[in-house]
Amino acid sequence: MANAALQGDDALRALRFKLVPGRLSEEEFWRSYFWHVANVKCELLHDWRTANTMRREAAMEDDMALSAVDDGSAGATTGSGAALDVVVPGAVDGVCADDLDDEFERLVASPSP
């Protein structure tokens, strides 16, 4: 699982390179990583609506911060004058986030066949 995580996430690979072995042993790094993964899973399973909302807001903040950085450099390098994407809080690809949460709740609450 550790190899798959490293292959799928460049940021994780960079973090591991930065911390192992200078600050943590290989075992300590992976124990900490999988402990955090388990906590996120529990958070999503037990209070997924709040967790989903918090993660969505954090992702939108990251997107807006990146857009602000890109806005300054993109116009200078491309000069295209293309319209910017507008981030609408609570919407994902034109679908209301509350509708997505409601559908997820319906699916999770549904009894298994």
Protein backbone atom coordinates (compact mmCIF):
# COMPACT_ATOMS: atom_id res chain seq x y z
CA MET A 1 0.00 0.00 0.00
CA ALA A 2 2.89 2.34 0.72
CA ASN A 3 4.31 1.86 -2.78
CA ALA A 4 0.92 2.55 -4.33
CA ALA A 5 0.55 5.71 -2.23
CA LEU A 6 3.99 6.91 -3.34
CA GLN A 7 3.24 6.22 -7.00
CA GLY A 8 -0.07 8.04 -6.83
CA ASP A 9 0.99 11.17 -4.92
CA ASP A 10 3.97 13.34 -5.84
CA ALA A 11 3.53 15.47 -2.72
CA LEU A 12 3.71 12.39 -0.49
CA ARG A 13 6.84 11.25 -2.29
CA ALA A 14 8.45 14.67 -1.73
CA LEU A 15 7.43 14.70 1.95
CA ARG A 16 8.89 11.25 2.50
CA PHE A 17 12.12 12.28 0.81
CA LYS A 18 12.28 15.34 3.07
CA LEU A 19 11.61 13.49 6.35
CA VAL A 20 13.14 10.01 5.96
CA PRO A 21 15.71 9.25 7.37
CA GLY A 22 16.71 12.72 8.64
CA ARG A 23 13.78 13.21 11.02
CA LEU A 24 11.84 9.93 10.99
CA SER A 25 12.59 6.32 10.31
CA GLU A 26 10.83 4.65 7.40
CA GLU A 27 8.62 2.76 9.85
CA GLU A 28 7.71 5.91 11.81
CA PHE A 29 6.82 7.77 8.62
CA TRP A 30 4.46 5.07 7.35
CA ARG A 31 2.94 4.47 10.77
CA SER A 32 2.14 8.18 10.99
CA TYR A 33 0.85 8.36 7.40
CA PHE A 34 -1.50 5.39 7.75
CA TRP A 35 -2.67 6.61 11.17
CA HIS A 36 -3.71 9.90 9.54
CA VAL A 37 -5.37 8.04 6.66
CA ALA A 38 -7.33 5.93 9.17
CA ASN A 39 -8.44 9.08 11.01
CA VAL A 40 -9.69 10.67 7.80
CA LYS A 41 -11.60 7.48 6.96
CA CYS A 42 -13.21 7.42 10.41
CA GLU A 43 -14.06 11.10 10.12
CA LEU A 44 -15.76 10.51 6.79
CA LEU A 45 -17.62 7.44 7.99
CA HIS A 46 -18.90 8.97 11.21
CA ASP A 47 -19.57 12.56 10.23
CA TRP A 48 -19.22 12.62 6.48
CA ARG A 49 -21.42 15.68 5.87
CA THR A 50 -19.31 17.96 8.08
CA ALA A 51 -16.07 16.40 6.83
CA ASN A 52 -17.23 16.73 3.23
CA THR A 53 -18.14 20.37 3.73
CA MET A 54 -14.83 21.17 5.42
CA ARG A 55 -12.80 19.41 2.74
CA ARG A 56 -14.82 21.04 -0.06
CA GLU A 57 -14.29 24.50 1.46
CA ALA A 58 -10.56 23.85 1.89
CA ALA A 59 -10.29 22.69 -1.73
CA MET A 60 -12.16 25.76 -2.96
CA GLU A 61 -9.86 28.02 -0.91
CA ASP A 62 -6.85 26.27 -2.44
CA ASP A 63 -8.32 26.68 -5.92
CA MET A 64 -9.02 30.36 -5.36
CA ALA A 65 -5.49 30.91 -4.00
CA LEU A 66 -4.00 29.13 -7.00
CA SER A 67 -6.25 31.11 -9.35
CA ALA A 68 -5.04 34.34 -7.80
CA VAL A 69 -1.42 33.28 -8.35
CA ASP A 70 -2.15 32.13 -11.90
CA ASP A 71 -4.06 35.32 -12.71
CA GLY A 72 -0.98 37.42 -12.20
CA SER A 73 1.33 35.29 -14.32
CA ALA A 74 -1.06 33.86 -16.92
CA GLY A 75 -2.08 37.21 -18.37
CA ALA A 76 1.55 38.31 -18.67
CA THR A 77 2.73 35.20 -20.45
CA THR A 78 -0.21 34.31 -22.67
CA GLY A 79 -1.91 37.64 -23.23
CA SER A 80 -5.02 35.74 -24.33
CA GLY A 81 -7.53 37.65 -22.21
CA ALA A 82 -9.52 34.44 -21.70
CA ALA A 83 -12.35 34.53 -19.17
CA LEU A 84 -11.59 33.20 -15.71
CA ASP A 85 -13.42 30.25 -14.19
CA VAL A 86 -15.84 31.39 -11.50
CA VAL A 87 -15.93 29.36 -8.31
CA VAL A 88 -19.45 29.05 -6.95
CA PRO A 89 -19.45 28.03 -3.28
CA GLY A 90 -21.40 24.83 -2.72
CA ALA A 91 -21.47 23.79 -6.38
CA VAL A 92 -19.46 21.13 -8.16
CA ASP A 93 -19.69 21.01 -11.96
CA GLY A 94 -23.10 22.74 -11.84
CA VAL A 95 -24.49 20.37 -9.20
CA CYS A 96 -25.38 21.78 -5.80
CA ALA A 97 -23.11 20.33 -3.11
CA ASP A 98 -26.10 19.87 -0.79
CA ASP A 99 -27.74 17.66 -3.44
CA LEU A 100 -24.56 15.57 -3.61
CA ASP A 101 -24.50 15.29 0.18
CA ASP A 102 -28.17 14.27 0.27
CA GLU A 103 -27.60 11.60 -2.37
CA PHE A 104 -24.58 10.26 -0.51
CA GLU A 105 -26.61 10.15 2.71
CA ARG A 106 -29.37 8.23 0.90
CA LEU A 107 -26.85 5.73 -0.42
CA VAL A 108 -25.08 5.27 2.90
CA ALA A 109 -28.35 4.94 4.83
CA SER A 110 -29.79 2.44 2.34
CA PRO A 111 -29.85 -1.13 3.61
CA SER A 112 -27.59 -3.49 1.72
CA PRO A 113 -29.36 -6.18 -0.34
